[in-house]
PDB file of N, CA and C in Angstrom:
ATOM      1  N   MET A   1      90.257 103.994  76.774  1.00  0.00           N
ATOM      2  CA  MET A   1      91.451 102.721  77.297  1.00  0.00           C
ATOM      3  C   MET A   1      91.304 102.621  78.455  1.00  0.00           C
ATOM      4  N   ASN A   2      91.309 100.801  78.362  1.00  0.00           N
ATOM      5  CA  ASN A   2      90.844 100.001  79.668  1.00  0.00           C
ATOM      6  C   ASN A   2      92.362  99.978  80.249  1.00  0.00           C
ATOM      7  N   TRP A   3      92.257  99.759  81.816  1.00  0.00           N
ATOM      8  CA  TRP A   3      93.701  99.788  82.559  1.00  0.00           C
ATOM      9  C   TRP A   3      94.159  99.387  82.134  1.00  0.00           C
ATOM     10  N   LYS A   4      93.394  97.655  81.938  1.00  0.00           N
ATOM     11  CA  LYS A   4      94.185  96.641  81.735  1.00  0.00           C
ATOM     12  C   LYS A   4      95.206  96.768  80.689  1.00  0.00           C
ATOM     13  N   ASN A   5      95.029  97.345  79.634  1.00  0.00           N
ATOM     14  CA  ASN A   5      96.078  97.575  78.414  1.00  0.00           C
ATOM     15  C   ASN A   5      96.915  98.436  78.843  1.00  0.00           C
ATOM     16  N   LEU A   6      97.193  99.071  80.109  1.00  0.00           N
ATOM     17  CA  LEU A   6      98.744  99.286  80.313  1.00  0.00           C
ATOM     18  C   LEU A   6      99.799  98.010  80.478  1.00  0.00           C
ATOM     19  N   PHE A   7      99.381  96.771  80.339  1.00  0.00           N
ATOM     20  CA  PHE A   7     100.571  96.226  80.917  1.00  0.00           C
ATOM     21  C   PHE A   7     100.146  94.723  80.156  1.00  0.00           C
ATOM     22  N   ARG A   8     101.607  94.296  79.714  1.00  0.00           N
ATOM     23  CA  ARG A   8     101.667  93.102  78.757  1.00  0.00           C
ATOM     24  C   ARG A   8     100.871  91.880  79.235  1.00  0.00           C
ATOM     25  N   PRO A   9     100.478  91.145  78.715  1.00  0.00           N
ATOM     26  CA  PRO A   9     100.129  89.683  79.154  1.00  0.00           C
ATOM     27  C   PRO A   9     100.841  88.983  80.001  1.00  0.00           C
ATOM     28  N   GLY A  10     100.415  88.521  81.048  1.00  0.00           N
ATOM     29  CA  GLY A  10     101.529  87.992  81.811  1.00  0.00           C
ATOM     30  C   GLY A  10     100.773  86.476  82.511  1.00  0.00           C
ATOM     31  N   ALA A  11     101.158  85.900  82.984  1.00  0.00           N
ATOM     32  CA  ALA A  11     100.954  84.601  84.166  1.00  0.00           C
ATOM     33  C   ALA A  11     100.026  85.281  85.196  1.00  0.00           C
ATOM     34  N   ASN A  12      99.137  84.822  86.094  1.00  0.00           N
ATOM     35  CA  ASN A  12      98.892  84.959  87.129  1.00  0.00           C
ATOM     36  C   ASN A  12      99.967  83.967  87.702  1.00  0.00           C
ATOM     37  N   MET A  13     100.216  84.616  89.059  1.00  0.00           N
ATOM     38  CA  MET A  13     101.045  84.043  90.240  1.00  0.00           C
ATOM     39  C   MET A  13     100.416  83.992  91.416  1.00  0.00           C
ATOM     40  N   SER A  14     100.657  82.995  92.122  1.00  0.00           N
ATOM     41  CA  SER A  14     100.082  82.809  93.464  1.00  0.00           C
ATOM     42  C   SER A  14     100.704  83.169  94.248  1.00  0.00           C
ATOM     43  N   PRO A  15     100.152  84.281  95.451  1.00  0.00           N
ATOM     44  CA  PRO A  15     100.564  84.924  96.392  1.00  0.00           C
ATOM     45  C   PRO A  15     102.838  84.062  97.010  1.00  0.00           C
ATOM     46  N   ALA A  16     101.962  82.874  96.796  1.00  0.00           N
ATOM     47  CA  ALA A  16     103.748  82.441  97.196  1.00  0.00           C
ATOM     48  C   ALA A  16     104.766  82.443  96.228  1.00  0.00           C
ATOM     49  N   GLU A  17     104.353  82.148  94.814  1.00  0.00           N
ATOM     50  CA  GLU A  17     104.986  82.512  93.883  1.00  0.00           C
ATOM     51  C   GLU A  17     105.336  83.943  93.608  1.00  0.00           C
ATOM     52  N   VAL A  18     104.722  84.433  94.076  1.00  0.00           N
ATOM     53  CA  VAL A  18     105.408  86.341  94.221  1.00  0.00           C
ATOM     54  C   VAL A  18     106.134  86.513  95.280  1.00  0.00           C
ATOM     55  N   SER A  19     106.220  85.842  96.439  1.00  0.00           N
ATOM     56  CA  SER A  19     106.663  86.102  97.345  1.00  0.00           C
ATOM     57  C   SER A  19     107.965  85.200  96.711  1.00  0.00           C
ATOM     58  N   ALA A  20     108.197  84.029  96.374  1.00  0.00           N
ATOM     59  CA  ALA A  20     109.625  83.379  96.009  1.00  0.00           C
ATOM     60  C   ALA A  20     109.876  84.474  95.068  1.00  0.00           C
ATOM     61  N   PHE A  21     109.590  84.807  93.920  1.00  0.00           N
ATOM     62  CA  PHE A  21     110.331  85.890  93.068  1.00  0.00           C
ATOM     63  C   PHE A  21     110.692  87.128  93.790  1.00  0.00           C
ATOM     64  N   MET A  22     110.178  87.960  94.902  1.00  0.00           N
ATOM     65  CA  MET A  22     110.865  88.834  95.296  1.00  0.00           C
ATOM     66  C   MET A  22     111.942  88.308  95.785  1.00  0.00           C
ATOM     67  N   SER A  23     112.049  87.282  97.264  1.00  0.00           N
ATOM     68  CA  SER A  23     113.134  87.106  97.649  1.00  0.00           C
ATOM     69  C   SER A  23     113.973  86.160  96.750  1.00  0.00           C
ATOM     70  N   GLU A  24     114.235  86.374  95.678  1.00  0.00           N
ATOM     71  CA  GLU A  24     115.361  85.916  94.701  1.00  0.00           C
ATOM     72  C   GLU A  24     116.115  87.088  93.522  1.00  0.00           C
ATOM     73  N   HIS A  25     114.970  88.346  93.899  1.00  0.00           N
ATOM     74  CA  HIS A  25     115.362  89.601  93.111  1.00  0.00           C
ATOM     75  C   HIS A  25     115.425  90.599  93.873  1.00  0.00           C
ATOM     76  N   GLN A  26     116.170  91.471  93.476  1.00  0.00           N
ATOM     77  CA  GLN A  26     116.700  93.161  94.398  1.00  0.00           C
ATOM     78  C   GLN A  26     115.241  93.408  93.956  1.00  0.00           C
ATOM     79  N   ALA A  27     114.663  94.538  94.699  1.00  0.00           N
ATOM     80  CA  ALA A  27     113.658  94.994  94.701  1.00  0.00           C
ATOM     81  C   ALA A  27     113.380  96.053  93.637  1.00  0.00           C
ATOM     82  N   ASP A  28     114.790  97.071  92.863  1.00  0.00           N
ATOM     83  CA  ASP A  28     114.547  97.517  91.747  1.00  0.00           C
ATOM     84  C   ASP A  28     114.709  96.561  90.890  1.00  0.00           C
ATOM     85  N   GLU A  29     114.551  95.375  90.728  1.00  0.00           N
ATOM     86  CA  GLU A  29     114.271  94.459  89.453  1.00  0.00           C
ATOM     87  C   GLU A  29     112.774  94.513  89.436  1.00  0.00           C
ATOM     88  N   TYR A  30     111.691  94.980  89.895  1.00  0.00           N
ATOM     89  CA  TYR A  30     110.445  94.755  89.778  1.00  0.00           C
ATOM     90  C   TYR A  30     109.256  95.512  90.705  1.00  0.00           C
ATOM     91  N   GLN A  31     108.581  95.678  90.421  1.00  0.00           N
ATOM     92  CA  GLN A  31     107.443  96.797  91.331  1.00  0.00           C
ATOM     93  C   GLN A  31     106.004  96.375  91.752  1.00  0.00           C
ATOM     94  N   LEU A  32     105.906  96.477  92.704  1.00  0.00           N
ATOM     95  CA  LEU A  32     105.000  96.293  93.178  1.00  0.00           C
ATOM     96  C   LEU A  32     103.510  97.107  93.312  1.00  0.00           C
ATOM     97  N   LEU A  33     102.231  97.020  92.733  1.00  0.00           N
ATOM     98  CA  LEU A  33     101.503  98.243  92.611  1.00  0.00           C
ATOM     99  C   LEU A  33     100.226  98.072  93.189  1.00  0.00           C
ATOM    100  N   ASP A  34      99.595  98.636  94.686  1.00  0.00           N
ATOM    101  CA  ASP A  34      99.246  98.352  94.820  1.00  0.00           C
ATOM    102  C   ASP A  34      97.337  99.245  94.490  1.00  0.00           C
ATOM    103  N   VAL A  35      96.739  98.422  93.916  1.00  0.00           N
ATOM    104  CA  VAL A  35      95.563  99.574  93.382  1.00  0.00           C
ATOM    105  C   VAL A  35      94.103  99.793  94.096  1.00  0.00           C
ATOM    106  N   ARG A  36      94.720  99.427  95.492  1.00  0.00           N
ATOM    107  CA  ARG A  36      93.999  99.798  96.523  1.00  0.00           C
ATOM    108  C   ARG A  36      92.666 101.261  96.702  1.00  0.00           C
ATOM    109  N   GLN A  37      92.187 101.248  97.771  1.00  0.00           N
ATOM    110  CA  GLN A  37      92.080 102.931  98.009  1.00  0.00           C
ATOM    111  C   GLN A  37      93.030 103.151  98.922  1.00  0.00           C
ATOM    112  N   PRO A  38      93.128 104.548  99.365  1.00  0.00           N
ATOM    113  CA  PRO A  38      94.167 104.704 100.491  1.00  0.00           C
ATOM    114  C   PRO A  38      94.246 104.125 101.798  1.00  0.00           C
ATOM    115  N   GLY A  39      92.863 104.597 102.102  1.00  0.00           N
ATOM    116  CA  GLY A  39      92.909 104.090 103.723  1.00  0.00           C
ATOM    117  C   GLY A  39      93.062 102.839 103.888  1.00  0.00           C
ATOM    118  N   GLU A  40      92.919 101.855 102.375  1.00  0.00           N
ATOM    119  CA  GLU A  40      93.198 100.378 102.646  1.00  0.00           C
ATOM    120  C   GLU A  40      94.855 100.250 102.838  1.00  0.00           C
ATOM    121  N   TYR A  41      95.312 101.299 101.550  1.00  0.00           N
ATOM    122  CA  TYR A  41      96.690 101.113 101.681  1.00  0.00           C
ATOM    123  C   TYR A  41      97.634 101.013 102.984  1.00  0.00           C
ATOM    124  N   LYS A  42      96.913 102.916 103.555  1.00  0.00           N
ATOM    125  CA  LYS A  42      97.435 103.204 105.221  1.00  0.00           C
ATOM    126  C   LYS A  42      97.177 101.943 106.283  1.00  0.00           C
ATOM    127  N   LYS A  43      96.192 101.379 106.440  1.00  0.00           N
ATOM    128  CA  LYS A  43      95.901 100.049 107.152  1.00  0.00           C
ATOM    129  C   LYS A  43      97.206  99.107 106.985  1.00  0.00           C
ATOM    130  N   GLU A  44      97.306  99.092 105.770  1.00  0.00           N
ATOM    131  CA  GLU A  44      98.376  97.413 105.480  1.00  0.00           C
ATOM    132  C   GLU A  44      98.394  97.507 103.845  1.00  0.00           C
ATOM    133  N   HIS A  45      99.727  97.446 104.022  1.00  0.00           N
ATOM    134  CA  HIS A  45     100.330  96.968 102.339  1.00  0.00           C
ATOM    135  C   HIS A  45     101.907  96.551 102.794  1.00  0.00           C
ATOM    136  N   ILE A  46     102.210  96.408 101.448  1.00  0.00           N
ATOM    137  CA  ILE A  46     103.547  95.394 101.183  1.00  0.00           C
ATOM    138  C   ILE A  46     104.245  96.423 101.356  1.00  0.00           C
ATOM    139  N   PRO A  47     105.420  96.626 101.969  1.00  0.00           N
ATOM    140  CA  PRO A  47     106.663  97.421 101.929  1.00  0.00           C
ATOM    141  C   PRO A  47     107.192  97.666 100.185  1.00  0.00           C
ATOM    142  N   GLY A  48     107.457  98.898 100.042  1.00  0.00           N
ATOM    143  CA  GLY A  48     108.149  99.327  98.442  1.00  0.00           C
ATOM    144  C   GLY A  48     107.071  99.177  98.191  1.00  0.00           C
ATOM    145  N   ALA A  49     105.701  99.071  97.683  1.00  0.00           N
ATOM    146  CA  ALA A  49     104.437  99.218  97.009  1.00  0.00           C
ATOM    147  C   ALA A  49     103.728 100.292  96.882  1.00  0.00           C
ATOM    148  N   LEU A  50     103.736 100.873  95.025  1.00  0.00           N
ATOM    149  CA  LEU A  50     103.616 101.864  94.986  1.00  0.00           C
ATOM    150  C   LEU A  50     102.106 102.080  94.968  1.00  0.00           C
ATOM    151  N   LEU A  51     101.029 102.921  95.598  1.00  0.00           N
ATOM    152  CA  LEU A  51      99.803 102.952  95.481  1.00  0.00           C
ATOM    153  C   LEU A  51      99.486 103.625  94.571  1.00  0.00           C
ATOM    154  N   ILE A  52      98.719 103.443  93.565  1.00  0.00           N
ATOM    155  CA  ILE A  52      97.693 104.209  92.323  1.00  0.00           C
ATOM    156  C   ILE A  52      96.863 103.931  92.660  1.00  0.00           C
ATOM    157  N   PRO A  53      95.320 104.211  93.090  1.00  0.00           N
ATOM    158  CA  PRO A  53      94.018 103.604  92.952  1.00  0.00           C
ATOM    159  C   PRO A  53      93.542 103.070  91.530  1.00  0.00           C
ATOM    160  N   VAL A  54      92.831 102.358  91.429  1.00  0.00           N
ATOM    161  CA  VAL A  54      92.729 101.180  90.099  1.00  0.00           C
ATOM    162  C   VAL A  54      91.767 102.592  89.327  1.00  0.00           C
ATOM    163  N   LYS A  55      91.111 103.608  89.565  1.00  0.00           N
ATOM    164  CA  LYS A  55      90.281 104.265  88.971  1.00  0.00           C
ATOM    165  C   LYS A  55      91.361 105.677  88.813  1.00  0.00           C
ATOM    166  N   GLU A  56      92.832 105.610  89.007  1.00  0.00           N
ATOM    167  CA  GLU A  56      94.190 106.642  88.757  1.00  0.00           C
ATOM    168  C   GLU A  56      94.724 106.108  87.837  1.00  0.00           C
ATOM    169  N   LEU A  57      94.822 104.577  87.004  1.00  0.00           N
ATOM    170  CA  LEU A  57      95.748 104.286  86.533  1.00  0.00           C
ATOM    171  C   LEU A  57      95.865 104.917  85.077  1.00  0.00           C
ATOM    172  N   LEU A  58      95.045 105.203  84.876  1.00  0.00           N
ATOM    173  CA  LEU A  58      95.081 105.598  83.106  1.00  0.00           C
ATOM    174  C   LEU A  58      95.761 107.442  83.293  1.00  0.00           C
ATOM    175  N   GLU A  59      95.200 107.756  84.047  1.00  0.00           N
ATOM    176  CA  GLU A  59      96.176 109.591  83.980  1.00  0.00           C
ATOM    177  C   GLU A  59      97.285 109.049  85.180  1.00  0.00           C
ATOM    178  N   ARG A  60      98.017 107.920  85.399  1.00  0.00           N
ATOM    179  CA  ARG A  60      99.326 108.352  86.320  1.00  0.00           C
ATOM    180  C   ARG A  60     100.184 106.914  85.850  1.00  0.00           C
ATOM    181  N   LYS A  61      99.755 106.842  84.460  1.00  0.00           N
ATOM    182  CA  LYS A  61     100.793 105.535  83.913  1.00  0.00           C
ATOM    183  C   LYS A  61     101.875 105.862  83.827  1.00  0.00           C
ATOM    184  N   ALA A  62     102.018 106.853  83.680  1.00  0.00           N
ATOM    185  CA  ALA A  62     103.725 107.416  83.601  1.00  0.00           C
ATOM    186  C   ALA A  62     104.620 107.047  85.396  1.00  0.00           C
ATOM    187  N   GLU A  63     104.047 107.117  85.931  1.00  0.00           N
ATOM    188  CA  GLU A  63     104.844 106.579  87.263  1.00  0.00           C
ATOM    189  C   GLU A  63     104.969 105.762  87.182  1.00  0.00           C
ATOM    190  N   LEU A  64     104.529 104.662  86.645  1.00  0.00           N
ATOM    191  CA  LEU A  64     104.892 103.100  86.474  1.00  0.00           C
ATOM    192  C   LEU A  64     106.360 102.859  85.165  1.00  0.00           C
ATOM    193  N   ASP A  65     107.102 102.097  85.409  1.00  0.00           N
ATOM    194  CA  ASP A  65     108.146 101.785  84.714  1.00  0.00           C
ATOM    195  C   ASP A  65     107.941 100.236  83.600  1.00  0.00           C
ATOM    196  N   LYS A  66     107.577 100.396  82.477  1.00  0.00           N
ATOM    197  CA  LYS A  66     107.515  99.311  81.419  1.00  0.00           C
ATOM    198  C   LYS A  66     108.394  98.457  81.637  1.00  0.00           C
ATOM    199  N   THR A  67     109.592  98.759  82.271  1.00  0.00           N
ATOM    200  CA  THR A  67     110.511  97.631  81.882  1.00  0.00           C
ATOM    201  C   THR A  67     110.631  96.717  82.889  1.00  0.00           C
ATOM    202  N   ARG A  68     110.261  96.712  83.998  1.00  0.00           N
ATOM    203  CA  ARG A  68     109.905  95.860  85.010  1.00  0.00           C
ATOM    204  C   ARG A  68     109.132  95.031  85.400  1.00  0.00           C
ATOM    205  N   PRO A  69     108.842  93.848  85.617  1.00  0.00           N
ATOM    206  CA  PRO A  69     107.908  92.815  85.898  1.00  0.00           C
ATOM    207  C   PRO A  69     106.738  93.949  87.035  1.00  0.00           C
ATOM    208  N   THR A  70     105.900  93.742  86.834  1.00  0.00           N
ATOM    209  CA  THR A  70     104.821  94.525  88.028  1.00  0.00           C
ATOM    210  C   THR A  70     103.901  93.612  88.697  1.00  0.00           C
ATOM    211  N   PHE A  71     103.731  93.406  89.593  1.00  0.00           N
ATOM    212  CA  PHE A  71     102.701  92.680  90.653  1.00  0.00           C
ATOM    213  C   PHE A  71     102.093  93.645  91.061  1.00  0.00           C
ATOM    214  N   ILE A  72     100.616  93.224  90.586  1.00  0.00           N
ATOM    215  CA  ILE A  72      99.331  94.218  90.648  1.00  0.00           C
ATOM    216  C   ILE A  72      98.541  93.212  92.092  1.00  0.00           C
ATOM    217  N   TYR A  73      98.387  94.123  92.669  1.00  0.00           N
ATOM    218  CA  TYR A  73      97.114  93.583  94.341  1.00  0.00           C
ATOM    219  C   TYR A  73      96.223  94.575  94.257  1.00  0.00           C
TER     220      TYR A  73
END
């Protein structure tokens, strides 16, 4: 299974559109998923983002909430 199959098709959003969405919604209404490597996450990440490196997505998919919009970076 390809990791992309974990998510429903959705629109690509610009950083400005995601920022606007986040400012208009409570943090528990969406999830931020950081798929970079731990060192990159440690160096800098968006507060509240969940780190699951892309190679671990299939193994850790249970950690994701399928009911909330997910922004992946």
